Amino acid sequence: KAEKLAFMTDIEGVRLDADDPKSLISILTVEEAEALVTDGIVGGGMIP
């Protein structure tokens, strides 16, 4: 029941546009994150 879980990766975070660094999203709710997957906004290795 950790307060935080941090995944250190080779990406800076989740972007609305994979090619635009300025589209980095700082905070996502679970519902918003699920919608990004459902709507096909994110794909590939970001999905898992």
All heavy atoms as atom14 arrays in JSON, in Angstrom:
{
  "sequence": "KAEKLAFMTDIEGVRLDADDPKSLISILTVEEAEALVTDGIVGGGMIP",
  "atom14_mask": [
    [1, 1, 1, 1, 1, 1, 1, 1, 1, 0, 0, 0, 0, 0],
    [1, 1, 1, 1, 1, 0, 0, 0, 0, 0, 0, 0, 0, 0],
    [1, 1, 1, 1, 1, 1, 1, 1, 1, 0, 0, 0, 0, 0],
    [1, 1, 1, 1, 1, 1, 1, 1, 1, 0, 0, 0, 0, 0],
    [1, 1, 1, 1, 1, 1, 1, 1, 0, 0, 0, 0, 0, 0],
    [1, 1, 1, 1, 1, 0, 0, 0, 0, 0, 0, 0, 0, 0],
    [1, 1, 1, 1, 1, 1, 1, 1, 1, 1, 1, 0, 0, 0],
    [1, 1, 1, 1, 1, 1, 1, 1, 0, 0, 0, 0, 0, 0],
    [1, 1, 1, 1, 1, 1, 1, 0, 0, 0, 0, 0, 0, 0],
    [1, 1, 1, 1, 1, 1, 1, 1, 0, 0, 0, 0, 0, 0],
    [1, 1, 1, 1, 1, 1, 1, 1, 0, 0, 0, 0, 0, 0],
    [1, 1, 1, 1, 1, 1, 1, 1, 1, 0, 0, 0, 0, 0],
    [1, 1, 1, 1, 0, 0, 0, 0, 0, 0, 0, 0, 0, 0],
    [1, 1, 1, 1, 1, 1, 1, 0, 0, 0, 0, 0, 0, 0],
    [1, 1, 1, 1, 1, 1, 1, 1, 1, 1, 1, 0, 0, 0],
    [1, 1, 1, 1, 1, 1, 1, 1, 0, 0, 0, 0, 0, 0],
    [1, 1, 1, 1, 1, 1, 1, 1, 0, 0, 0, 0, 0, 0],
    [1, 1, 1, 1, 1, 0, 0, 0, 0, 0, 0, 0, 0, 0],
    [1, 1, 1, 1, 1, 1, 1, 1, 0, 0, 0, 0, 0, 0],
    [1, 1, 1, 1, 1, 1, 1, 1, 0, 0, 0, 0, 0, 0],
    [1, 1, 1, 1, 1, 1, 1, 0, 0, 0, 0, 0, 0, 0],
    [1, 1, 1, 1, 1, 1, 1, 1, 1, 0, 0, 0, 0, 0],
    [1, 1, 1, 1, 1, 1, 0, 0, 0, 0, 0, 0, 0, 0],
    [1, 1, 1, 1, 1, 1, 1, 1, 0, 0, 0, 0, 0, 0],
    [1, 1, 1, 1, 1, 1, 1, 1, 0, 0, 0, 0, 0, 0],
    [1, 1, 1, 1, 1, 1, 0, 0, 0, 0, 0, 0, 0, 0],
    [1, 1, 1, 1, 1, 1, 1, 1, 0, 0, 0, 0, 0, 0],
    [1, 1, 1, 1, 1, 1, 1, 1, 0, 0, 0, 0, 0, 0],
    [1, 1, 1, 1, 1, 1, 1, 0, 0, 0, 0, 0, 0, 0],
    [1, 1, 1, 1, 1, 1, 1, 0, 0, 0, 0, 0, 0, 0],
    [1, 1, 1, 1, 1, 1, 1, 1, 1, 0, 0, 0, 0, 0],
    [1, 1, 1, 1, 1, 1, 1, 1, 1, 0, 0, 0, 0, 0],
    [1, 1, 1, 1, 1, 0, 0, 0, 0, 0, 0, 0, 0, 0],
    [1, 1, 1, 1, 1, 1, 1, 1, 1, 0, 0, 0, 0, 0],
    [1, 1, 1, 1, 1, 0, 0, 0, 0, 0, 0, 0, 0, 0],
    [1, 1, 1, 1, 1, 1, 1, 1, 0, 0, 0, 0, 0, 0],
    [1, 1, 1, 1, 1, 1, 1, 0, 0, 0, 0, 0, 0, 0],
    [1, 1, 1, 1, 1, 1, 1, 0, 0, 0, 0, 0, 0, 0],
    [1, 1, 1, 1, 1, 1, 1, 1, 0, 0, 0, 0, 0, 0],
    [1, 1, 1, 1, 0, 0, 0, 0, 0, 0, 0, 0, 0, 0],
    [1, 1, 1, 1, 1, 1, 1, 1, 0, 0, 0, 0, 0, 0],
    [1, 1, 1, 1, 1, 1, 1, 0, 0, 0, 0, 0, 0, 0],
    [1, 1, 1, 1, 0, 0, 0, 0, 0, 0, 0, 0, 0, 0],
    [1, 1, 1, 1, 0, 0, 0, 0, 0, 0, 0, 0, 0, 0],
    [1, 1, 1, 1, 0, 0, 0, 0, 0, 0, 0, 0, 0, 0],
    [1, 1, 1, 1, 1, 1, 1, 1, 0, 0, 0, 0, 0, 0],
    [1, 1, 1, 1, 1, 1, 1, 1, 0, 0, 0, 0, 0, 0],
    [1, 1, 1, 1, 1, 1, 1, 0, 0, 0, 0, 0, 0, 0]
  ],
  "atom14_positions": [
    [[0.85, -1.2, 0.0], [0.0, 0.0, 0.0], [0.89, 1.25, 0.0], [0.71, 2.18, 0.81], [-0.95, 0.01, 1.2], [-1.9, -1.16, 1.25], [-2.83, -1.18, 0.04], [-3.81, -2.36, 0.12], [-4.6, -2.54, -1.11], [0.0, 0.0, 0.0], [0.0, 0.0, 0.0], [0.0, 0.0, 0.0], [0.0, 0.0, 0.0], [0.0, 0.0, 0.0]],
    [[1.84, 1.26, -0.9], [2.83, 2.33, -0.95], [2.17, 3.67, -1.23], [1.15, 3.75, -1.92], [3.88, 2.03, -2.02], [0.0, 0.0, 0.0], [0.0, 0.0, 0.0], [0.0, 0.0, 0.0], [0.0, 0.0, 0.0], [0.0, 0.0, 0.0], [0.0, 0.0, 0.0], [0.0, 0.0, 0.0], [0.0, 0.0, 0.0], [0.0, 0.0, 0.0]],
    [[2.77, 4.73, -0.7], [2.31, 6.07, -1.0], [2.61, 6.41, -2.44], [1.81, 7.05, -3.13], [3.01, 7.08, -0.08], [2.63, 8.53, -0.3], [1.19, 8.82, 0.09], [0.61, 8.07, 0.89], [0.65, 9.82, -0.42], [0.0, 0.0, 0.0], [0.0, 0.0, 0.0], [0.0, 0.0, 0.0], [0.0, 0.0, 0.0], [0.0, 0.0, 0.0]],
    [[3.78, 5.96, -2.92], [4.2, 6.26, -4.28], [4.87, 5.05, -4.91], [5.52, 4.25, -4.23], [5.2, 7.43, -4.3], [4.6, 8.79, -4.04], [5.68, 9.86, -4.04], [5.09, 11.25, -3.92], [4.39, 11.68, -5.14], [0.0, 0.0, 0.0], [0.0, 0.0, 0.0], [0.0, 0.0, 0.0], [0.0, 0.0, 0.0], [0.0, 0.0, 0.0]],
    [[4.72, 4.95, -6.23], [5.46, 4.01, -7.05], [6.0, 4.8, -8.23], [5.25, 5.46, -8.94], [4.54, 2.88, -7.55], [5.07, 2.0, -8.69], [6.36, 1.3, -8.29], [4.01, 0.98, -9.12], [0.0, 0.0, 0.0], [0.0, 0.0, 0.0], [0.0, 0.0, 0.0], [0.0, 0.0, 0.0], [0.0, 0.0, 0.0], [0.0, 0.0, 0.0]],
    [[7.32, 4.78, -8.4], [7.96, 5.52, -9.48], [8.62, 4.55, -10.45], [9.46, 3.74, -10.06], [9.0, 6.49, -8.93], [0.0, 0.0, 0.0], [0.0, 0.0, 0.0], [0.0, 0.0, 0.0], [0.0, 0.0, 0.0], [0.0, 0.0, 0.0], [0.0, 0.0, 0.0], [0.0, 0.0, 0.0], [0.0, 0.0, 0.0], [0.0, 0.0, 0.0]],
    [[8.21, 4.63, -11.72], [8.83, 3.86, -12.79], [9.88, 4.73, -13.46], [9.55, 5.7, -14.15], [7.8, 3.41, -13.83], [6.83, 2.37, -13.34], [5.51, 2.7, -13.07], [7.23, 1.06, -13.17], [4.61, 1.76, -12.62], [6.34, 0.08, -12.73], [5.03, 0.43, -12.45], [0.0, 0.0, 0.0], [0.0, 0.0, 0.0], [0.0, 0.0, 0.0]],
    [[11.15, 4.4, -13.27], [12.23, 5.11, -13.96], [12.45, 4.45, -15.31], [12.77, 3.26, -15.39], [13.51, 5.08, -13.13], [13.37, 5.78, -11.79], [14.9, 5.79, -10.85], [15.92, 6.77, -11.95], [0.0, 0.0, 0.0], [0.0, 0.0, 0.0], [0.0, 0.0, 0.0], [0.0, 0.0, 0.0], [0.0, 0.0, 0.0], [0.0, 0.0, 0.0]],
    [[12.26, 5.21, -16.38], [12.29, 4.66, -17.73], [13.17, 5.52, -18.63], [13.83, 6.44, -18.18], [10.87, 4.61, -18.31], [10.42, 5.95, -18.52], [9.91, 3.9, -17.38], [0.0, 0.0, 0.0], [0.0, 0.0, 0.0], [0.0, 0.0, 0.0], [0.0, 0.0, 0.0], [0.0, 0.0, 0.0], [0.0, 0.0, 0.0], [0.0, 0.0, 0.0]],
    [[13.14, 5.2, -19.91], [13.88, 5.98, -20.91], [12.96, 6.93, -21.67], [13.24, 7.34, -22.79], [14.6, 5.05, -21.9], [15.79, 4.36, -21.27], [16.22, 4.8, -20.18], [16.3, 3.39, -21.85], [0.0, 0.0, 0.0], [0.0, 0.0, 0.0], [0.0, 0.0, 0.0], [0.0, 0.0, 0.0], [0.0, 0.0, 0.0], [0.0, 0.0, 0.0]],
    [[11.83, 7.26, -21.06], [10.92, 8.26, -21.62], [10.59, 9.27, -20.53], [10.69, 8.95, -19.33], [9.62, 7.63, -22.16], [8.92, 6.83, -21.05], [9.89, 6.76, -23.37], [7.58, 6.28, -21.45], [0.0, 0.0, 0.0], [0.0, 0.0, 0.0], [0.0, 0.0, 0.0], [0.0, 0.0, 0.0], [0.0, 0.0, 0.0], [0.0, 0.0, 0.0]],
    [[10.21, 10.48, -20.92], [10.0, 11.54, -19.93], [8.63, 11.49, -19.29], [8.39, 12.16, -18.27], [10.21, 12.91, -20.58], [9.25, 13.2, -21.72], [9.49, 14.56, -22.35], [10.06, 15.42, -21.67], [9.1, 14.75, -23.51], [0.0, 0.0, 0.0], [0.0, 0.0, 0.0], [0.0, 0.0, 0.0], [0.0, 0.0, 0.0], [0.0, 0.0, 0.0]],
    [[7.72, 10.71, -19.83], [6.36, 10.63, -19.31], [5.38, 10.39, -20.44], [5.76, 9.91, -21.51], [0.0, 0.0, 0.0], [0.0, 0.0, 0.0], [0.0, 0.0, 0.0], [0.0, 0.0, 0.0], [0.0, 0.0, 0.0], [0.0, 0.0, 0.0], [0.0, 0.0, 0.0], [0.0, 0.0, 0.0], [0.0, 0.0, 0.0], [0.0, 0.0, 0.0]],
    [[4.13, 10.7, -20.22], [3.08, 10.48, -21.22], [2.83, 11.79, -21.97], [2.6, 12.84, -21.35], [1.77, 10.01, -20.55], [0.7, 9.76, -21.62], [2.02, 8.75, -19.74], [0.0, 0.0, 0.0], [0.0, 0.0, 0.0], [0.0, 0.0, 0.0], [0.0, 0.0, 0.0], [0.0, 0.0, 0.0], [0.0, 0.0, 0.0], [0.0, 0.0, 0.0]],
    [[2.85, 11.7, -23.3], [2.56, 12.87, -24.14], [1.24, 12.66, -24.88], [0.93, 11.54, -25.3], [3.65, 13.08, -25.18], [5.03, 13.4, -24.62], [6.02, 13.51, -25.78], [7.38, 13.8, -25.35], [8.42, 13.84, -26.19], [8.23, 13.63, -27.5], [9.62, 14.12, -25.73], [0.0, 0.0, 0.0], [0.0, 0.0, 0.0], [0.0, 0.0, 0.0]],
    [[0.51, 13.75, -25.07], [-0.67, 13.69, -25.93], [-0.25, 13.48, -27.38], [-0.93, 12.8, -28.15], [-1.49, 14.98, -25.81], [-2.42, 15.08, -24.61], [-3.07, 16.45, -24.55], [-3.48, 13.98, -24.65], [0.0, 0.0, 0.0], [0.0, 0.0, 0.0], [0.0, 0.0, 0.0], [0.0, 0.0, 0.0], [0.0, 0.0, 0.0], [0.0, 0.0, 0.0]],
    [[0.88, 14.08, -27.74], [1.46, 13.91, -29.07], [2.87, 13.38, -28.87], [3.73, 14.07, -28.3], [1.5, 15.25, -29.81], [2.09, 15.15, -31.22], [2.69, 14.09, -31.53], [1.98, 16.11, -31.98], [0.0, 0.0, 0.0], [0.0, 0.0, 0.0], [0.0, 0.0, 0.0], [0.0, 0.0, 0.0], [0.0, 0.0, 0.0], [0.0, 0.0, 0.0]],
    [[3.1, 12.15, -29.3], [4.39, 11.5, -29.07], [5.56, 12.3, -29.6], [6.69, 12.18, -29.09], [4.38, 10.1, -29.68], [0.0, 0.0, 0.0], [0.0, 0.0, 0.0], [0.0, 0.0, 0.0], [0.0, 0.0, 0.0], [0.0, 0.0, 0.0], [0.0, 0.0, 0.0], [0.0, 0.0, 0.0], [0.0, 0.0, 0.0], [0.0, 0.0, 0.0]],
    [[5.34, 13.12, -30.61], [6.42, 13.88, -31.22], [6.58, 15.3, -30.67], [7.46, 16.04, -31.11], [6.21, 13.95, -32.75], [6.2, 12.58, -33.4], [7.02, 11.74, -32.98], [5.38, 12.36, -34.29], [0.0, 0.0, 0.0], [0.0, 0.0, 0.0], [0.0, 0.0, 0.0], [0.0, 0.0, 0.0], [0.0, 0.0, 0.0], [0.0, 0.0, 0.0]],
    [[5.74, 15.67, -29.72], [5.77, 17.04, -29.19], [6.08, 17.03, -27.7], [5.22, 16.72, -26.87], [4.42, 17.72, -29.43], [4.41, 19.16, -28.95], [5.47, 19.67, -28.55], [3.32, 19.77, -28.95], [0.0, 0.0, 0.0], [0.0, 0.0, 0.0], [0.0, 0.0, 0.0], [0.0, 0.0, 0.0], [0.0, 0.0, 0.0], [0.0, 0.0, 0.0]],
    [[7.32, 17.39, -27.32], [7.7, 17.4, -25.9], [6.83, 18.32, -25.06], [6.64, 18.09, -23.86], [9.15, 17.91, -25.93], [9.64, 17.62, -27.31], [8.44, 17.77, -28.19], [0.0, 0.0, 0.0], [0.0, 0.0, 0.0], [0.0, 0.0, 0.0], [0.0, 0.0, 0.0], [0.0, 0.0, 0.0], [0.0, 0.0, 0.0], [0.0, 0.0, 0.0]],
    [[6.26, 19.36, -25.68], [5.43, 20.31, -24.94], [4.08, 19.71, -24.56], [3.34, 20.3, -23.76], [5.22, 21.58, -25.76], [6.5, 22.39, -25.98], [6.22, 23.64, -26.78], [7.49, 24.45, -27.0], [7.24, 25.68, -27.81], [0.0, 0.0, 0.0], [0.0, 0.0, 0.0], [0.0, 0.0, 0.0], [0.0, 0.0, 0.0], [0.0, 0.0, 0.0]],
    [[3.75, 18.54, -25.12], [2.45, 17.92, -24.81], [2.52, 16.94, -23.64], [1.58, 16.19, -23.4], [1.9, 17.2, -26.06], [2.68, 16.07, -26.37], [0.0, 0.0, 0.0], [0.0, 0.0, 0.0], [0.0, 0.0, 0.0], [0.0, 0.0, 0.0], [0.0, 0.0, 0.0], [0.0, 0.0, 0.0], [0.0, 0.0, 0.0], [0.0, 0.0, 0.0]],
    [[3.63, 16.98, -22.9], [3.77, 16.13, -21.72], [2.65, 16.42, -20.73], [2.35, 17.57, -20.42], [5.13, 16.38, -21.05], [5.41, 15.59, -19.76], [5.6, 14.12, -20.07], [6.62, 16.15, -19.04], [0.0, 0.0, 0.0], [0.0, 0.0, 0.0], [0.0, 0.0, 0.0], [0.0, 0.0, 0.0], [0.0, 0.0, 0.0], [0.0, 0.0, 0.0]],
    [[2.03, 15.36, -20.21], [0.94, 15.48, -19.25], [1.5, 15.29, -17.84], [2.1, 14.26, -17.55], [-0.16, 14.44, -19.52], [-0.63, 14.52, -20.98], [-1.33, 14.64, -18.57], [-1.55, 13.37, -21.37], [0.0, 0.0, 0.0], [0.0, 0.0, 0.0], [0.0, 0.0, 0.0], [0.0, 0.0, 0.0], [0.0, 0.0, 0.0], [0.0, 0.0, 0.0]],
    [[1.3, 16.28, -16.97], [1.87, 16.22, -15.62], [1.09, 15.3, -14.69], [1.67, 14.55, -13.91], [1.95, 17.63, -15.01], [2.87, 18.43, -15.72], [0.0, 0.0, 0.0], [0.0, 0.0, 0.0], [0.0, 0.0, 0.0], [0.0, 0.0, 0.0], [0.0, 0.0, 0.0], [0.0, 0.0, 0.0], [0.0, 0.0, 0.0], [0.0, 0.0, 0.0]],
    [[-0.26, 15.36, -14.75], [-1.09, 14.53, -13.87], [-2.23, 13.92, -14.67], [-2.89, 14.59, -15.47], [-1.67, 15.36, -12.7], [-0.55, 15.85, -11.78], [-2.66, 14.53, -11.88], [-1.05, 16.62, -10.57], [0.0, 0.0, 0.0], [0.0, 0.0, 0.0], [0.0, 0.0, 0.0], [0.0, 0.0, 0.0], [0.0, 0.0, 0.0], [0.0, 0.0, 0.0]],
    [[-2.46, 12.63, -14.46], [-3.56, 11.9, -15.09], [-4.35, 11.15, -14.04], [-3.76, 10.49, -13.17], [-3.02, 10.88, -16.1], [-2.58, 11.35, -17.49], [-1.88, 10.22, -18.23], [-3.78, 11.84, -18.29], [0.0, 0.0, 0.0], [0.0, 0.0, 0.0], [0.0, 0.0, 0.0], [0.0, 0.0, 0.0], [0.0, 0.0, 0.0], [0.0, 0.0, 0.0]],
    [[-5.68, 11.22, -14.1], [-6.49, 10.34, -13.27], [-6.56, 8.98, -13.96], [-6.23, 8.84, -15.15], [-7.91, 10.89, -13.09], [-8.57, 10.91, -14.38], [-7.9, 12.3, -12.5], [0.0, 0.0, 0.0], [0.0, 0.0, 0.0], [0.0, 0.0, 0.0], [0.0, 0.0, 0.0], [0.0, 0.0, 0.0], [0.0, 0.0, 0.0], [0.0, 0.0, 0.0]],
    [[-7.0, 7.98, -13.23], [-7.15, 6.64, -13.8], [-8.08, 6.68, -15.0], [-7.8, 6.08, -16.05], [-7.67, 5.66, -12.73], [-8.17, 4.37, -13.38], [-6.58, 5.33, -11.72], [0.0, 0.0, 0.0], [0.0, 0.0, 0.0], [0.0, 0.0, 0.0], [0.0, 0.0, 0.0], [0.0, 0.0, 0.0], [0.0, 0.0, 0.0], [0.0, 0.0, 0.0]],
    [[-9.19, 7.42, -14.88], [-10.15, 7.5, -15.97], [-9.53, 8.13, -17.22], [-9.75, 7.67, -18.34], [-11.38, 8.3, -15.54], [-12.24, 7.62, -14.48], [-11.64, 7.68, -13.08], [-10.69, 8.48, -12.87], [-12.11, 6.94, -12.2], [0.0, 0.0, 0.0], [0.0, 0.0, 0.0], [0.0, 0.0, 0.0], [0.0, 0.0, 0.0], [0.0, 0.0, 0.0]],
    [[-8.76, 9.18, -17.01], [-8.1, 9.84, -18.14], [-7.07, 8.93, -18.78], [-6.94, 8.89, -20.02], [-7.43, 11.13, -17.66], [-8.43, 12.22, -17.27], [-7.78, 13.37, -16.52], [-6.65, 13.19, -16.01], [-8.4, 14.45, -16.45], [0.0, 0.0, 0.0], [0.0, 0.0, 0.0], [0.0, 0.0, 0.0], [0.0, 0.0, 0.0], [0.0, 0.0, 0.0]],
    [[-6.34, 8.18, -17.97], [-5.33, 7.26, -18.5], [-5.98, 6.14, -19.3], [-5.51, 5.76, -20.38], [-4.49, 6.68, -17.37], [0.0, 0.0, 0.0], [0.0, 0.0, 0.0], [0.0, 0.0, 0.0], [0.0, 0.0, 0.0], [0.0, 0.0, 0.0], [0.0, 0.0, 0.0], [0.0, 0.0, 0.0], [0.0, 0.0, 0.0], [0.0, 0.0, 0.0]],
    [[-7.09, 5.62, -18.79], [-7.81, 4.56, -19.51], [-8.32, 5.07, -20.85], [-8.29, 4.35, -21.87], [-8.97, 4.04, -18.66], [-8.51, 3.22, -17.46], [-9.65, 2.84, -16.53], [-10.66, 3.58, -16.49], [-9.53, 1.79, -15.85], [0.0, 0.0, 0.0], [0.0, 0.0, 0.0], [0.0, 0.0, 0.0], [0.0, 0.0, 0.0], [0.0, 0.0, 0.0]],
    [[-8.78, 6.32, -20.88], [-9.29, 6.91, -22.12], [-8.17, 7.06, -23.15], [-8.41, 6.89, -24.36], [-9.92, 8.27, -21.83], [0.0, 0.0, 0.0], [0.0, 0.0, 0.0], [0.0, 0.0, 0.0], [0.0, 0.0, 0.0], [0.0, 0.0, 0.0], [0.0, 0.0, 0.0], [0.0, 0.0, 0.0], [0.0, 0.0, 0.0], [0.0, 0.0, 0.0]],
    [[-6.95, 7.37, -22.71], [-5.83, 7.5, -23.65], [-5.58, 6.19, -24.37], [-5.25, 6.18, -25.57], [-4.57, 7.93, -22.9], [-4.53, 9.35, -22.34], [-3.22, 9.58, -21.59], [-4.67, 10.39, -23.47], [0.0, 0.0, 0.0], [0.0, 0.0, 0.0], [0.0, 0.0, 0.0], [0.0, 0.0, 0.0], [0.0, 0.0, 0.0], [0.0, 0.0, 0.0]],
    [[-5.74, 5.07, -23.66], [-5.55, 3.75, -24.28], [-6.74, 3.42, -25.18], [-6.57, 3.02, -26.34], [-5.37, 2.67, -23.19], [-5.26, 1.29, -23.84], [-4.13, 2.95, -22.34], [0.0, 0.0, 0.0], [0.0, 0.0, 0.0], [0.0, 0.0, 0.0], [0.0, 0.0, 0.0], [0.0, 0.0, 0.0], [0.0, 0.0, 0.0], [0.0, 0.0, 0.0]],
    [[-7.95, 3.6, -24.64], [-9.16, 3.26, -25.39], [-9.28, 4.06, -26.68], [-9.67, 3.52, -27.73], [-10.41, 3.51, -24.52], [-10.31, 2.76, -23.32], [-11.67, 3.11, -25.27], [0.0, 0.0, 0.0], [0.0, 0.0, 0.0], [0.0, 0.0, 0.0], [0.0, 0.0, 0.0], [0.0, 0.0, 0.0], [0.0, 0.0, 0.0], [0.0, 0.0, 0.0]],
    [[-8.93, 5.34, -26.62], [-9.07, 6.22, -27.78], [-7.89, 6.13, -28.74], [-7.86, 6.84, -29.76], [-9.24, 7.67, -27.32], [-10.51, 7.88, -26.51], [-11.4, 7.02, -26.58], [-10.59, 8.9, -25.79], [0.0, 0.0, 0.0], [0.0, 0.0, 0.0], [0.0, 0.0, 0.0], [0.0, 0.0, 0.0], [0.0, 0.0, 0.0], [0.0, 0.0, 0.0]],
    [[-6.91, 5.31, -28.41], [-5.77, 5.12, -29.3], [-4.79, 6.28, -29.33], [-3.96, 6.38, -30.25], [0.0, 0.0, 0.0], [0.0, 0.0, 0.0], [0.0, 0.0, 0.0], [0.0, 0.0, 0.0], [0.0, 0.0, 0.0], [0.0, 0.0, 0.0], [0.0, 0.0, 0.0], [0.0, 0.0, 0.0], [0.0, 0.0, 0.0], [0.0, 0.0, 0.0]],
    [[-4.84, 7.15, -28.31], [-3.92, 8.29, -28.27], [-2.51, 7.83, -27.93], [-1.53, 8.39, -28.41], [-4.42, 9.35, -27.26], [-5.76, 9.91, -27.75], [-3.4, 10.48, -27.09], [-6.43, 10.83, -26.77], [0.0, 0.0, 0.0], [0.0, 0.0, 0.0], [0.0, 0.0, 0.0], [0.0, 0.0, 0.0], [0.0, 0.0, 0.0], [0.0, 0.0, 0.0]],
    [[-2.4, 6.8, -27.09], [-1.1, 6.19, -26.82], [-1.12, 4.77, -27.36], [-2.17, 4.14, -27.47], [-0.77, 6.19, -25.31], [-0.68, 7.6, -24.77], [-1.76, 5.36, -24.53], [0.0, 0.0, 0.0], [0.0, 0.0, 0.0], [0.0, 0.0, 0.0], [0.0, 0.0, 0.0], [0.0, 0.0, 0.0], [0.0, 0.0, 0.0], [0.0, 0.0, 0.0]],
    [[0.05, 4.27, -27.68], [0.14, 2.92, -28.23], [1.51, 2.33, -27.99], [2.35, 2.89, -27.29], [0.0, 0.0, 0.0], [0.0, 0.0, 0.0], [0.0, 0.0, 0.0], [0.0, 0.0, 0.0], [0.0, 0.0, 0.0], [0.0, 0.0, 0.0], [0.0, 0.0, 0.0], [0.0, 0.0, 0.0], [0.0, 0.0, 0.0], [0.0, 0.0, 0.0]],
    [[1.75, 1.18, -28.61], [3.06, 0.54, -28.54], [3.47, 0.21, -27.12], [2.69, -0.24, -26.29], [0.0, 0.0, 0.0], [0.0, 0.0, 0.0], [0.0, 0.0, 0.0], [0.0, 0.0, 0.0], [0.0, 0.0, 0.0], [0.0, 0.0, 0.0], [0.0, 0.0, 0.0], [0.0, 0.0, 0.0], [0.0, 0.0, 0.0], [0.0, 0.0, 0.0]],
    [[4.76, 0.5, -26.81], [5.31, 0.17, -25.51], [4.75, 0.97, -24.36], [4.92, 0.6, -23.19], [0.0, 0.0, 0.0], [0.0, 0.0, 0.0], [0.0, 0.0, 0.0], [0.0, 0.0, 0.0], [0.0, 0.0, 0.0], [0.0, 0.0, 0.0], [0.0, 0.0, 0.0], [0.0, 0.0, 0.0], [0.0, 0.0, 0.0], [0.0, 0.0, 0.0]],
    [[4.04, 2.07, -24.66], [3.46, 2.87, -23.59], [2.24, 2.2, -22.97], [1.93, 2.41, -21.79], [3.07, 4.26, -24.12], [2.48, 5.2, -23.08], [3.55, 5.49, -21.65], [4.75, 6.62, -22.39], [0.0, 0.0, 0.0], [0.0, 0.0, 0.0], [0.0, 0.0, 0.0], [0.0, 0.0, 0.0], [0.0, 0.0, 0.0], [0.0, 0.0, 0.0]],
    [[1.55, 1.35, -23.74], [0.33, 0.72, -23.24], [0.58, -0.13, -21.99], [-0.11, 0.04, -20.98], [-0.37, -0.08, -24.35], [-0.91, 0.88, -25.41], [-1.49, -0.94, -23.77], [-1.58, 0.19, -26.6], [0.0, 0.0, 0.0], [0.0, 0.0, 0.0], [0.0, 0.0, 0.0], [0.0, 0.0, 0.0], [0.0, 0.0, 0.0], [0.0, 0.0, 0.0]],
    [[1.56, -1.08, -22.01], [1.78, -1.86, -20.78], [2.22, -1.0, -19.6], [1.9, -1.31, -18.45], [2.87, -2.88, -21.17], [3.48, -2.36, -22.43], [2.4, -1.58, -23.11], [0.0, 0.0, 0.0], [0.0, 0.0, 0.0], [0.0, 0.0, 0.0], [0.0, 0.0, 0.0], [0.0, 0.0, 0.0], [0.0, 0.0, 0.0], [0.0, 0.0, 0.0]]
  ]
}
